[in-house]
C-alpha atoms as a PDB file:
ATOM      1  CA  MET A   1     128.973 107.571  91.584  1.00  0.00           C
ATOM      2  CA  GLU A   2     128.439 104.124  93.137  1.00  0.00           C
ATOM      3  CA  GLN A   3     129.433 105.579  96.500  1.00  0.00           C
ATOM      4  CA  ASN A   4     126.725 108.278  96.241  1.00  0.00           C
ATOM      5  CA  ARG A   5     124.161 105.640  95.305  1.00  0.00           C
ATOM      6  CA  ASN A   6     124.981 103.554  98.390  1.00  0.00           C
ATOM      7  CA  LYS A   7     124.604 106.616 100.608  1.00  0.00           C
ATOM      8  CA  SER A   8     121.098 107.295  99.268  1.00  0.00           C
ATOM      9  CA  ILE A   9     120.107 103.664  99.741  1.00  0.00           C
ATOM     10  CA  ASN A  10     121.258 103.720 103.357  1.00  0.00           C
ATOM     11  CA  LYS A  11     119.402 106.962 104.042  1.00  0.00           C
ATOM     12  CA  GLY A  12     116.305 105.891 102.164  1.00  0.00           C
ATOM     13  CA  GLU A  13     114.709 107.599  99.227  1.00  0.00           C
ATOM     14  CA  ARG A  14     112.329 110.491  99.283  1.00  0.00           C
ATOM     15  CA  VAL A  15     108.944 110.215  97.623  1.00  0.00           C
ATOM     16  CA  ASN A  16     106.837 113.269  96.901  1.00  0.00           C
ATOM     17  CA  LEU A  17     103.174 112.862  97.789  1.00  0.00           C
ATOM     18  CA  THR A  18     100.304 115.309  97.507  1.00  0.00           C
ATOM     19  CA  PHE A  19      97.519 115.406 100.091  1.00  0.00           C
ATOM     20  CA  ASN A  20      94.484 117.660 100.253  1.00  0.00           C
ATOM     21  CA  SER A  21      93.902 119.872 103.297  1.00  0.00           C
ATOM     22  CA  LYS A  22      91.619 117.374 105.050  1.00  0.00           C
ATOM     23  CA  GLN A  23      94.182 114.619 104.627  1.00  0.00           C
ATOM     24  CA  ILE A  24      96.919 116.886 106.010  1.00  0.00           C
ATOM     25  CA  ASP A  25      94.698 117.697 109.000  1.00  0.00           C
ATOM     26  CA  LEU A  26      94.217 113.983 109.637  1.00  0.00           C
ATOM     27  CA  ILE A  27      97.941 113.278 109.310  1.00  0.00           C
ATOM     28  CA  ASP A  28      98.731 116.180 111.648  1.00  0.00           C
ATOM     29  CA  SER A  29      96.245 114.852 114.205  1.00  0.00           C
ATOM     30  CA  LEU A  30      98.147 111.537 114.239  1.00  0.00           C
ATOM     31  CA  VAL A  31     101.580 113.084 114.834  1.00  0.00           C
ATOM     32  CA  GLY A  32     102.638 111.952 118.275  1.00  0.00           C
ATOM     33  CA  GLU A  33     100.365 108.899 118.149  1.00  0.00           C
ATOM     34  CA  MET A  34     101.710 107.165 115.044  1.00  0.00           C
ATOM     35  CA  GLY A  35     105.010 108.953 114.537  1.00  0.00           C
ATOM     36  CA  ASP A  36     107.149 111.941 115.425  1.00  0.00           C
ATOM     37  CA  ASN A  37     106.353 113.884 112.241  1.00  0.00           C
ATOM     38  CA  ARG A  38     104.238 113.772 109.079  1.00  0.00           C
ATOM     39  CA  ALA A  39     106.684 111.519 107.246  1.00  0.00           C
ATOM     40  CA  ASP A  40     106.688 108.984 110.086  1.00  0.00           C
ATOM     41  CA  VAL A  41     102.884 108.989 110.228  1.00  0.00           C
ATOM     42  CA  VAL A  42     102.529 108.415 106.465  1.00  0.00           C
ATOM     43  CA  LYS A  43     105.170 105.662 106.567  1.00  0.00           C
ATOM     44  CA  THR A  44     103.382 103.951 109.474  1.00  0.00           C
ATOM     45  CA  ILE A  45     100.017 104.151 107.703  1.00  0.00           C
ATOM     46  CA  PHE A  46     101.558 102.696 104.530  1.00  0.00           C
ATOM     47  CA  LEU A  47     103.241  99.810 106.347  1.00  0.00           C
ATOM     48  CA  ASN A  48     100.080  99.066 108.348  1.00  0.00           C
ATOM     49  CA  TYR A  49      98.073  98.992 105.117  1.00  0.00           C
ATOM     50  CA  LEU A  50     100.487  96.515 103.530  1.00  0.00           C
ATOM     51  CA  SER A  51     100.359  94.353 106.624  1.00  0.00           C
ATOM     52  CA  GLU A  52      96.564  94.488 106.857  1.00  0.00           C
ATOM     53  CA  LYS A  53      96.194  93.439 103.223  1.00  0.00           C
ATOM     54  CA  GLU A  54      98.772  90.693 103.813  1.00  0.00           C
ATOM     55  CA  ILE A  55     100.796  92.035 100.921  1.00  0.00           C
ATOM     56  CA  THR A  56     104.065  91.852 102.832  1.00  0.00           C
ATOM     57  CA  THR A  57     103.290  88.290 103.938  1.00  0.00           C
ATOM     58  CA  ALA A  58     102.609  87.222 100.345  1.00  0.00           C
ATOM     59  CA  ILE A  59     105.861  88.771  99.126  1.00  0.00           C
ATOM     60  CA  ILE A  60     107.872  87.013 101.839  1.00  0.00           C
ATOM     61  CA  LYS A  61     106.171  83.677 101.112  1.00  0.00           C
ATOM     62  CA  ASN A  62     106.913  84.028  97.385  1.00  0.00           C
ATOM     63  CA  LYS A  63     110.566  84.834  98.077  1.00  0.00           C
ATOM     64  CA  LEU A  64     110.889  81.820 100.360  1.00  0.00           C
ATOM     65  CA  LYS A  65     109.407  79.572  97.653  1.00  0.00           C
ATOM     66  CA  LEU A  66     112.014  80.800  95.182  1.00  0.00           C
ATOM     67  CA  LYS A  67     114.922  79.781  97.418  1.00  0.00           C
END
């Protein structure tokens, strides 16, 4: 069982999201510009959002303070 768990961690985990038709159209229009497929585009948007809001920076700073 532990071996299966490690495989899923290495591959990443899937998350089901629901988008309306306009959102899908927007995502589709960004394929090729922000990623190779819908999943890549959504992942890029998510990571850019975290970066823009400095959420990732705050998490890293907090972890460094704990060490």
